[in-house]
C-alpha atoms as a PDB file:
ATOM      1  CA  MET A   1      34.314  24.349  60.385  1.00  0.00           C
ATOM      2  CA  THR A   2      33.868  22.168  57.320  1.00  0.00           C
ATOM      3  CA  ASN A   3      36.491  21.965  54.616  1.00  0.00           C
ATOM      4  CA  GLY A   4      34.256  24.026  52.339  1.00  0.00           C
ATOM      5  CA  ASP A   5      33.933  26.748  54.989  1.00  0.00           C
ATOM      6  CA  HIS A   6      37.696  26.768  55.507  1.00  0.00           C
ATOM      7  CA  VAL A   7      38.330  27.195  51.791  1.00  0.00           C
ATOM      8  CA  ALA A   8      35.848  30.062  51.568  1.00  0.00           C
ATOM      9  CA  THR A   9      37.402  31.771  54.600  1.00  0.00           C
ATOM     10  CA  ALA A  10      40.928  31.367  53.232  1.00  0.00           C
ATOM     11  CA  MET A  11      39.829  32.761  49.860  1.00  0.00           C
ATOM     12  CA  ARG A  12      38.322  35.764  51.614  1.00  0.00           C
ATOM     13  CA  MET A  13      41.621  36.397  53.415  1.00  0.00           C
ATOM     14  CA  ARG A  14      43.531  36.134  50.139  1.00  0.00           C
ATOM     15  CA  ALA A  15      41.215  38.778  48.671  1.00  0.00           C
ATOM     16  CA  LEU A  16      41.963  41.065  51.633  1.00  0.00           C
ATOM     17  CA  LEU A  17      45.703  40.542  51.229  1.00  0.00           C
ATOM     18  CA  HIS A  18      45.535  41.540  47.577  1.00  0.00           C
ATOM     19  CA  GLY A  19      43.385  44.579  48.317  1.00  0.00           C
ATOM     20  CA  HIS A  20      46.251  47.061  48.075  1.00  0.00           C
ATOM     21  CA  LEU A  21      47.040  45.794  44.574  1.00  0.00           C
ATOM     22  CA  VAL A  22      43.478  46.507  43.456  1.00  0.00           C
ATOM     23  CA  SER A  23      43.754  49.981  44.967  1.00  0.00           C
ATOM     24  CA  ARG A  24      46.950  50.692  43.044  1.00  0.00           C
ATOM     25  CA  ALA A  25      45.341  49.502  39.813  1.00  0.00           C
ATOM     26  CA  LEU A  26      42.372  51.814  40.410  1.00  0.00           C
ATOM     27  CA  THR A  27      44.626  54.811  40.986  1.00  0.00           C
ATOM     28  CA  VAL A  28      46.326  54.148  37.655  1.00  0.00           C
ATOM     29  CA  VAL A  29      43.098  54.075  35.636  1.00  0.00           C
ATOM     30  CA  ALA A  30      41.939  57.157  37.537  1.00  0.00           C
ATOM     31  CA  ARG A  31      45.048  59.106  36.573  1.00  0.00           C
ATOM     32  CA  LEU A  32      44.724  57.973  32.964  1.00  0.00           C
ATOM     33  CA  GLY A  33      41.094  59.124  32.813  1.00  0.00           C
ATOM     34  CA  ILE A  34      39.905  55.760  31.472  1.00  0.00           C
ATOM     35  CA  VAL A  35      36.352  56.065  32.809  1.00  0.00           C
ATOM     36  CA  GLU A  36      35.881  59.483  31.201  1.00  0.00           C
ATOM     37  CA  LEU A  37      37.025  58.051  27.856  1.00  0.00           C
ATOM     38  CA  LEU A  38      34.368  55.328  28.147  1.00  0.00           C
ATOM     39  CA  THR A  39      31.550  57.809  28.802  1.00  0.00           C
ATOM     40  CA  ASP A  40      30.058  57.417  25.329  1.00  0.00           C
ATOM     41  CA  GLY A  41      30.433  53.650  25.212  1.00  0.00           C
ATOM     42  CA  PRO A  42      32.950  50.797  24.973  1.00  0.00           C
ATOM     43  CA  LEU A  43      36.366  51.157  23.349  1.00  0.00           C
ATOM     44  CA  THR A  44      39.171  48.723  22.630  1.00  0.00           C
ATOM     45  CA  ALA A  45      42.253  48.614  24.796  1.00  0.00           C
ATOM     46  CA  ALA A  46      44.237  49.734  21.747  1.00  0.00           C
ATOM     47  CA  GLU A  47      42.022  52.806  21.312  1.00  0.00           C
ATOM     48  CA  LEU A  48      42.285  53.658  24.996  1.00  0.00           C
ATOM     49  CA  ALA A  49      46.061  53.175  24.923  1.00  0.00           C
ATOM     50  CA  SER A  50      46.381  55.455  21.913  1.00  0.00           C
ATOM     51  CA  ARG A  51      44.411  58.214  23.650  1.00  0.00           C
ATOM     52  CA  THR A  52      46.351  57.939  26.913  1.00  0.00           C
ATOM     53  CA  GLY A  53      49.828  57.270  25.552  1.00  0.00           C
ATOM     54  CA  VAL A  54      50.409  53.934  27.308  1.00  0.00           C
ATOM     55  CA  ASP A  55      51.328  50.412  26.240  1.00  0.00           C
ATOM     56  CA  PRO A  56      48.260  48.607  24.750  1.00  0.00           C
ATOM     57  CA  ALA A  57      49.146  45.140  26.066  1.00  0.00           C
ATOM     58  CA  SER A  58      49.781  46.391  29.601  1.00  0.00           C
ATOM     59  CA  LEU A  59      46.562  48.403  29.610  1.00  0.00           C
ATOM     60  CA  ARG A  60      44.619  45.405  28.331  1.00  0.00           C
ATOM     61  CA  ARG A  61      45.892  43.298  31.234  1.00  0.00           C
ATOM     62  CA  LEU A  62      45.094  46.064  33.724  1.00  0.00           C
ATOM     63  CA  LEU A  63      41.512  46.473  32.496  1.00  0.00           C
ATOM     64  CA  GLY A  64      41.049  42.714  32.388  1.00  0.00           C
ATOM     65  CA  ALA A  65      42.192  42.404  35.990  1.00  0.00           C
ATOM     66  CA  LEU A  66      39.800  45.117  37.129  1.00  0.00           C
ATOM     67  CA  ALA A  67      36.987  43.462  35.172  1.00  0.00           C
ATOM     68  CA  VAL A  68      37.280  40.583  37.665  1.00  0.00           C
ATOM     69  CA  PHE A  69      36.342  43.099  40.359  1.00  0.00           C
ATOM     70  CA  GLU A  70      33.419  44.420  38.262  1.00  0.00           C
ATOM     71  CA  VAL A  71      35.008  47.801  37.600  1.00  0.00           C
ATOM     72  CA  PHE A  72      35.029  47.256  33.831  1.00  0.00           C
ATOM     73  CA  ASP A  73      33.155  44.946  31.463  1.00  0.00           C
ATOM     74  CA  ASP A  74      35.382  42.730  29.314  1.00  0.00           C
ATOM     75  CA  LEU A  75      33.223  42.522  26.194  1.00  0.00           C
ATOM     76  CA  GLY A  76      35.616  40.418  24.130  1.00  0.00           C
ATOM     77  CA  ASP A  77      37.462  41.344  20.939  1.00  0.00           C
ATOM     78  CA  ASP A  78      39.746  43.623  23.018  1.00  0.00           C
ATOM     79  CA  LYS A  79      36.792  45.875  23.881  1.00  0.00           C
ATOM     80  CA  PHE A  80      35.960  47.204  27.354  1.00  0.00           C
ATOM     81  CA  GLY A  81      33.058  49.083  28.879  1.00  0.00           C
ATOM     82  CA  VAL A  82      32.572  50.589  32.324  1.00  0.00           C
ATOM     83  CA  THR A  83      30.237  49.128  34.949  1.00  0.00           C
ATOM     84  CA  PRO A  84      28.067  51.068  37.447  1.00  0.00           C
ATOM     85  CA  LEU A  85      30.813  50.470  40.026  1.00  0.00           C
ATOM     86  CA  GLY A  86      33.525  51.772  37.732  1.00  0.00           C
ATOM     87  CA  ALA A  87      31.361  54.749  36.778  1.00  0.00           C
ATOM     88  CA  THR A  88      31.784  56.159  40.284  1.00  0.00           C
ATOM     89  CA  LEU A  89      35.303  57.141  39.143  1.00  0.00           C
ATOM     90  CA  HIS A  90      33.764  59.623  36.708  1.00  0.00           C
ATOM     91  CA  PRO A  91      34.326  63.230  37.868  1.00  0.00           C
ATOM     92  CA  GLU A  92      30.680  64.179  37.299  1.00  0.00           C
ATOM     93  CA  CYS A  93      29.234  61.235  39.227  1.00  0.00           C
ATOM     94  CA  PRO A  94      27.442  62.258  42.453  1.00  0.00           C
ATOM     95  CA  GLY A  95      29.828  61.463  45.283  1.00  0.00           C
ATOM     96  CA  SER A  96      32.556  60.745  42.717  1.00  0.00           C
ATOM     97  CA  THR A  97      35.376  58.554  44.024  1.00  0.00           C
ATOM     98  CA  LEU A  98      37.841  60.069  41.556  1.00  0.00           C
ATOM     99  CA  PRO A  99      39.284  62.633  44.017  1.00  0.00           C
ATOM    100  CA  THR A 100      39.968  59.850  46.529  1.00  0.00           C
ATOM    101  CA  ALA A 101      41.672  57.761  43.853  1.00  0.00           C
ATOM    102  CA  LEU A 102      43.840  60.733  42.850  1.00  0.00           C
ATOM    103  CA  LEU A 103      44.648  61.384  46.512  1.00  0.00           C
ATOM    104  CA  LEU A 104      45.786  57.797  47.049  1.00  0.00           C
ATOM    105  CA  ALA A 105      47.787  57.948  43.835  1.00  0.00           C
ATOM    106  CA  GLN A 106      49.994  60.532  45.537  1.00  0.00           C
ATOM    107  CA  ASP A 107      51.676  60.743  48.933  1.00  0.00           C
ATOM    108  CA  PHE A 108      48.664  59.490  50.863  1.00  0.00           C
ATOM    109  CA  GLY A 109      48.998  56.141  49.166  1.00  0.00           C
ATOM    110  CA  GLU A 110      52.772  55.971  49.468  1.00  0.00           C
ATOM    111  CA  ILE A 111      52.959  56.567  53.229  1.00  0.00           C
ATOM    112  CA  TRP A 112      51.154  53.280  53.883  1.00  0.00           C
ATOM    113  CA  HIS A 113      54.410  51.554  52.980  1.00  0.00           C
ATOM    114  CA  ASP A 114      55.674  52.890  56.324  1.00  0.00           C
ATOM    115  CA  LEU A 115      52.894  51.243  58.342  1.00  0.00           C
ATOM    116  CA  ALA A 116      55.101  48.547  59.891  1.00  0.00           C
ATOM    117  CA  GLU A 117      57.592  51.108  61.162  1.00  0.00           C
ATOM    118  CA  THR A 118      54.789  53.293  62.500  1.00  0.00           C
ATOM    119  CA  VAL A 119      53.313  50.363  64.406  1.00  0.00           C
ATOM    120  CA  ARG A 120      56.745  49.569  65.877  1.00  0.00           C
ATOM    121  CA  ASP A 121      57.608  53.035  67.142  1.00  0.00           C
ATOM    122  CA  GLY A 122      54.237  54.800  67.308  1.00  0.00           C
ATOM    123  CA  GLY A 123      55.619  57.664  65.248  1.00  0.00           C
ATOM    124  CA  ASP A 124      54.053  59.905  62.627  1.00  0.00           C
ATOM    125  CA  ALA A 125      54.510  58.447  59.129  1.00  0.00           C
ATOM    126  CA  ILE A 126      54.044  61.798  57.404  1.00  0.00           C
ATOM    127  CA  GLN A 127      56.520  63.542  59.698  1.00  0.00           C
ATOM    128  CA  ARG A 128      59.033  60.722  59.222  1.00  0.00           C
ATOM    129  CA  ARG A 129      58.828  60.703  55.432  1.00  0.00           C
ATOM    130  CA  PHE A 130      58.415  64.415  54.656  1.00  0.00           C
ATOM    131  CA  GLY A 131      59.905  66.146  57.692  1.00  0.00           C
ATOM    132  CA  VAL A 132      56.737  68.123  58.457  1.00  0.00           C
ATOM    133  CA  GLY A 133      53.258  67.410  59.784  1.00  0.00           C
ATOM    134  CA  LEU A 134      50.189  66.650  57.685  1.00  0.00           C
ATOM    135  CA  PHE A 135      48.835  70.155  57.253  1.00  0.00           C
ATOM    136  CA  GLU A 136      52.236  71.707  56.631  1.00  0.00           C
ATOM    137  CA  HIS A 137      52.805  69.082  53.940  1.00  0.00           C
ATOM    138  CA  LEU A 138      49.430  69.838  52.351  1.00  0.00           C
ATOM    139  CA  GLN A 139      50.177  73.556  52.275  1.00  0.00           C
ATOM    140  CA  GLN A 140      53.495  72.863  50.555  1.00  0.00           C
ATOM    141  CA  ASN A 141      51.856  70.660  47.881  1.00  0.00           C
ATOM    142  CA  LEU A 142      48.902  72.395  46.272  1.00  0.00           C
ATOM    143  CA  GLU A 143      47.950  69.480  43.982  1.00  0.00           C
ATOM    144  CA  LEU A 144      47.829  67.134  46.962  1.00  0.00           C
ATOM    145  CA  HIS A 145      45.934  69.698  49.035  1.00  0.00           C
ATOM    146  CA  ASP A 146      43.343  70.089  46.290  1.00  0.00           C
ATOM    147  CA  ALA A 147      42.921  66.305  46.003  1.00  0.00           C
ATOM    148  CA  PHE A 148      42.566  66.039  49.788  1.00  0.00           C
ATOM    149  CA  ASP A 149      39.853  68.715  49.960  1.00  0.00           C
ATOM    150  CA  ARG A 150      37.962  67.293  46.981  1.00  0.00           C
ATOM    151  CA  SER A 151      38.090  63.773  48.418  1.00  0.00           C
ATOM    152  CA  GLN A 152      36.697  65.001  51.741  1.00  0.00           C
ATOM    153  CA  ALA A 153      33.952  66.982  50.019  1.00  0.00           C
ATOM    154  CA  ARG A 154      32.872  64.112  47.757  1.00  0.00           C
ATOM    155  CA  GLY A 155      32.797  61.738  50.705  1.00  0.00           C
ATOM    156  CA  MET A 156      30.596  64.186  52.557  1.00  0.00           C
ATOM    157  CA  GLU A 157      28.140  64.175  49.645  1.00  0.00           C
ATOM    158  CA  LEU A 158      27.604  60.499  50.397  1.00  0.00           C
ATOM    159  CA  GLU A 159      27.520  60.825  54.188  1.00  0.00           C
ATOM    160  CA  ALA A 160      25.686  64.100  54.844  1.00  0.00           C
ATOM    161  CA  ALA A 161      22.125  62.774  54.475  1.00  0.00           C
ATOM    162  CA  GLU A 162      22.873  59.921  56.873  1.00  0.00           C
ATOM    163  CA  ILE A 163      24.486  62.258  59.400  1.00  0.00           C
ATOM    164  CA  PHE A 164      21.446  64.506  59.523  1.00  0.00           C
ATOM    165  CA  GLU A 165      19.050  61.565  59.567  1.00  0.00           C
ATOM    166  CA  TYR A 166      20.626  59.755  62.509  1.00  0.00           C
ATOM    167  CA  VAL A 167      22.115  62.558  64.619  1.00  0.00           C
ATOM    168  CA  ARG A 168      20.039  65.057  66.592  1.00  0.00           C
ATOM    169  CA  PHE A 169      21.380  68.522  67.329  1.00  0.00           C
ATOM    170  CA  ASP A 170      20.309  70.620  70.298  1.00  0.00           C
ATOM    171  CA  ALA A 171      18.233  73.668  69.432  1.00  0.00           C
ATOM    172  CA  GLY A 172      19.949  77.049  69.371  1.00  0.00           C
ATOM    173  CA  GLY A 173      23.592  77.849  69.905  1.00  0.00           C
ATOM    174  CA  THR A 174      26.518  77.802  67.510  1.00  0.00           C
ATOM    175  CA  VAL A 175      27.832  74.717  65.769  1.00  0.00           C
ATOM    176  CA  VAL A 176      31.595  74.521  65.269  1.00  0.00           C
ATOM    177  CA  ASP A 177      32.837  72.306  62.445  1.00  0.00           C
ATOM    178  CA  ILE A 178      36.337  71.301  63.559  1.00  0.00           C
ATOM    179  CA  GLY A 179      38.607  70.578  60.621  1.00  0.00           C
ATOM    180  CA  GLY A 180      35.767  71.749  58.368  1.00  0.00           C
ATOM    181  CA  GLY A 181      37.703  71.643  55.111  1.00  0.00           C
ATOM    182  CA  ASP A 182      35.914  73.299  52.207  1.00  0.00           C
ATOM    183  CA  GLY A 183      32.810  74.011  54.277  1.00  0.00           C
ATOM    184  CA  SER A 184      30.516  71.504  52.553  1.00  0.00           C
ATOM    185  CA  LEU A 185      29.193  69.942  55.756  1.00  0.00           C
ATOM    186  CA  LEU A 186      28.713  73.244  57.566  1.00  0.00           C
ATOM    187  CA  ALA A 187      26.942  74.696  54.521  1.00  0.00           C
ATOM    188  CA  GLU A 188      24.570  71.722  54.444  1.00  0.00           C
ATOM    189  CA  PHE A 189      23.886  72.049  58.175  1.00  0.00           C
ATOM    190  CA  LEU A 190      23.161  75.784  58.019  1.00  0.00           C
ATOM    191  CA  THR A 191      20.939  75.285  54.964  1.00  0.00           C
ATOM    192  CA  ARG A 192      18.863  72.778  56.913  1.00  0.00           C
ATOM    193  CA  GLN A 193      18.762  75.003  60.015  1.00  0.00           C
ATOM    194  CA  PRO A 194      18.565  78.615  58.791  1.00  0.00           C
ATOM    195  CA  GLY A 195      18.300  80.083  62.278  1.00  0.00           C
ATOM    196  CA  ARG A 196      21.613  78.666  63.479  1.00  0.00           C
ATOM    197  CA  ARG A 197      25.112  80.085  63.490  1.00  0.00           C
ATOM    198  CA  GLY A 198      28.221  78.177  62.481  1.00  0.00           C
ATOM    199  CA  VAL A 199      31.988  78.438  62.813  1.00  0.00           C
ATOM    200  CA  LEU A 200      34.383  76.621  60.494  1.00  0.00           C
ATOM    201  CA  LEU A 201      37.708  75.876  62.173  1.00  0.00           C
ATOM    202  CA  ASP A 202      40.645  74.846  59.984  1.00  0.00           C
ATOM    203  CA  VAL A 203      44.084  75.933  58.849  1.00  0.00           C
ATOM    204  CA  PRO A 204      44.074  79.467  57.349  1.00  0.00           C
ATOM    205  CA  ALA A 205      44.340  78.576  53.658  1.00  0.00           C
ATOM    206  CA  THR A 206      41.582  75.967  53.864  1.00  0.00           C
ATOM    207  CA  ALA A 207      39.283  78.179  55.925  1.00  0.00           C
ATOM    208  CA  ASP A 208      39.638  80.917  53.314  1.00  0.00           C
ATOM    209  CA  ARG A 209      38.691  78.547  50.477  1.00  0.00           C
ATOM    210  CA  ALA A 210      35.581  77.443  52.371  1.00  0.00           C
ATOM    211  CA  LEU A 211      34.063  80.906  51.940  1.00  0.00           C
ATOM    212  CA  ALA A 212      33.182  80.199  48.295  1.00  0.00           C
ATOM    213  CA  ASN A 213      31.103  77.144  49.215  1.00  0.00           C
ATOM    214  CA  LEU A 214      29.357  78.962  52.055  1.00  0.00           C
ATOM    215  CA  GLU A 215      28.516  81.845  49.717  1.00  0.00           C
ATOM    216  CA  LYS A 216      27.339  79.454  46.995  1.00  0.00           C
ATOM    217  CA  ALA A 217      24.977  77.826  49.491  1.00  0.00           C
ATOM    218  CA  GLY A 218      23.668  81.238  50.547  1.00  0.00           C
ATOM    219  CA  VAL A 219      24.690  80.799  54.197  1.00  0.00           C
ATOM    220  CA  ALA A 220      27.861  82.912  54.403  1.00  0.00           C
ATOM    221  CA  ASP A 221      26.040  85.427  56.623  1.00  0.00           C
ATOM    222  CA  GLN A 222      25.390  82.644  59.162  1.00  0.00           C
ATOM    223  CA  ALA A 223      28.990  81.457  59.278  1.00  0.00           C
ATOM    224  CA  GLU A 224      32.330  82.558  60.622  1.00  0.00           C
ATOM    225  CA  ARG A 225      35.679  81.226  59.498  1.00  0.00           C
ATOM    226  CA  SER A 226      38.389  80.677  62.062  1.00  0.00           C
ATOM    227  CA  SER A 227      41.888  79.283  61.568  1.00  0.00           C
ATOM    228  CA  ARG A 228      43.751  77.158  64.079  1.00  0.00           C
ATOM    229  CA  ALA A 229      46.355  79.859  64.188  1.00  0.00           C
ATOM    230  CA  THR A 230      43.844  82.432  65.417  1.00  0.00           C
ATOM    231  CA  SER A 231      41.257  80.306  67.227  1.00  0.00           C
ATOM    232  CA  SER A 232      42.484  81.434  70.647  1.00  0.00           C
ATOM    233  CA  ARG A 233      41.405  84.948  69.705  1.00  0.00           C
ATOM    234  CA  SER A 234      38.053  83.990  68.219  1.00  0.00           C
ATOM    235  CA  GLY A 235      36.214  84.159  71.528  1.00  0.00           C
ATOM    236  CA  LEU A 236      34.887  80.617  71.294  1.00  0.00           C
ATOM    237  CA  SER A 237      34.158  78.740  74.497  1.00  0.00           C
ATOM    238  CA  ALA A 238      32.204  75.725  75.660  1.00  0.00           C
ATOM    239  CA  GLU A 239      29.800  78.038  77.508  1.00  0.00           C
ATOM    240  CA  ARG A 240      28.946  79.952  74.339  1.00  0.00           C
ATOM    241  CA  CYS A 241      28.903  77.175  71.769  1.00  0.00           C
ATOM    242  CA  THR A 242      27.186  73.912  71.095  1.00  0.00           C
ATOM    243  CA  CYS A 243      30.298  72.262  69.728  1.00  0.00           C
ATOM    244  CA  CYS A 244      29.728  69.065  67.757  1.00  0.00           C
ATOM    245  CA  ALA A 245      32.371  66.915  66.136  1.00  0.00           C
ATOM    246  CA  MET A 246      31.068  66.718  62.570  1.00  0.00           C
ATOM    247  CA  GLY A 247      32.572  64.325  60.084  1.00  0.00           C
ATOM    248  CA  GLU A 248      35.085  61.561  60.495  1.00  0.00           C
ATOM    249  CA  PHE A 249      38.308  62.426  62.315  1.00  0.00           C
ATOM    250  CA  ASN A 250      41.169  60.088  61.580  1.00  0.00           C
ATOM    251  CA  ARG A 251      43.541  59.497  64.487  1.00  0.00           C
ATOM    252  CA  SER A 252      46.463  59.324  62.074  1.00  0.00           C
ATOM    253  CA  LEU A 253      45.765  62.964  61.217  1.00  0.00           C
ATOM    254  CA  GLN A 254      45.738  63.772  64.968  1.00  0.00           C
ATOM    255  CA  HIS A 255      42.322  65.431  64.971  1.00  0.00           C
ATOM    256  CA  ARG A 256      40.962  65.977  68.437  1.00  0.00           C
ATOM    257  CA  ALA A 257      37.318  67.035  68.689  1.00  0.00           C
ATOM    258  CA  ALA A 258      35.717  68.128  71.970  1.00  0.00           C
ATOM    259  CA  VAL A 259      32.049  67.277  71.978  1.00  0.00           C
ATOM    260  CA  VAL A 260      30.174  69.668  74.243  1.00  0.00           C
ATOM    261  CA  SER A 261      26.715  68.573  73.141  1.00  0.00           C
ATOM    262  CA  VAL A 262      26.467  64.782  72.787  1.00  0.00           C
ATOM    263  CA  ALA A 263      24.374  63.529  69.872  1.00  0.00           C
ATOM    264  CA  ALA A 264      21.672  60.927  70.401  1.00  0.00           C
ATOM    265  CA  PRO A 265      22.687  57.250  69.994  1.00  0.00           C
ATOM    266  CA  ARG A 266      22.703  56.271  66.366  1.00  0.00           C
ATOM    267  CA  ARG A 267      20.029  53.916  65.135  1.00  0.00           C
ATOM    268  CA  PRO A 268      21.095  50.739  63.308  1.00  0.00           C
ATOM    269  CA  ARG A 269      22.161  51.463  59.767  1.00  0.00           C
ATOM    270  CA  PRO A 270      19.626  50.249  57.192  1.00  0.00           C
ATOM    271  CA  GLY A 271      20.675  48.117  54.263  1.00  0.00           C
ATOM    272  CA  SER A 272      22.585  49.877  51.564  1.00  0.00           C
ATOM    273  CA  SER A 273      20.907  50.742  48.301  1.00  0.00           C
ATOM    274  CA  SER A 274      21.920  51.965  44.867  1.00  0.00           C
ATOM    275  CA  ARG A 275      22.502  55.695  44.529  1.00  0.00           C
ATOM    276  CA  GLY A 276      21.531  55.751  40.892  1.00  0.00           C
ATOM    277  CA  SER A 277      23.356  56.002  37.590  1.00  0.00           C
ATOM    278  CA  CYS A 278      26.242  58.380  36.987  1.00  0.00           C
ATOM    279  CA  GLY A 279      25.197  58.767  33.382  1.00  0.00           C
ATOM    280  CA  VAL A 280      28.146  56.823  31.975  1.00  0.00           C
ATOM    281  CA  GLY A 281      27.634  54.494  29.023  1.00  0.00           C
ATOM    282  CA  TYR A 282      27.880  50.872  30.170  1.00  0.00           C
END
């Protein structure tokens, strides 16, 4: 490795080490609604501070730091605009990242401070910090629960097309969406395959909220909701269902998905491309 290569590699590692600081900065501007305020065009840091009730000098430094990461445009004369990257934090942007930022601004961001202890003892960070498991904690904190569901749904907007392009499903049978959240993925699946049946399995409160999305998509008559508390009485079995683990199941959340029908091997992912403008003034 040449000296130039070593420097580049070390700089890359430094960027990774500072990644959590960038994340915290993004959660702050998300909570302040900075991107929404820049929808109609650039504003000065003083104007933004006045509208959000924060310190102008501190906000100016925050926006300047995020401009280095191409989230905002530093236009000079104290004025800032939002870039295409930053515009993904707008609530109306397709696949908006705002719900994820608001989720990480709350408990989901804080529990990462316990990572070292979790690695040492293999314990559950959420249980350790809050005294209950993940889903119990969500049910006790409605704002957090809403942010969690919205983050999952927005992420699925970005991933659904790729899932259905690269994964084949066996014909016939019933598809069970385990940990199906607000029903977005199951609704998309049933819309694409009108002859199929689907079951959404999740905690009771979440499964109930999924009904609105299934009805909105016009597929409620093809779907059944089932909670984890009642799933043993739902009559589901491997013999009756084509059960496919849909979505991304994070081990830290202790999801366990049994795949009865194995999807075809995934083809190599093509190069990424722009998803288009979010309609925010740059």
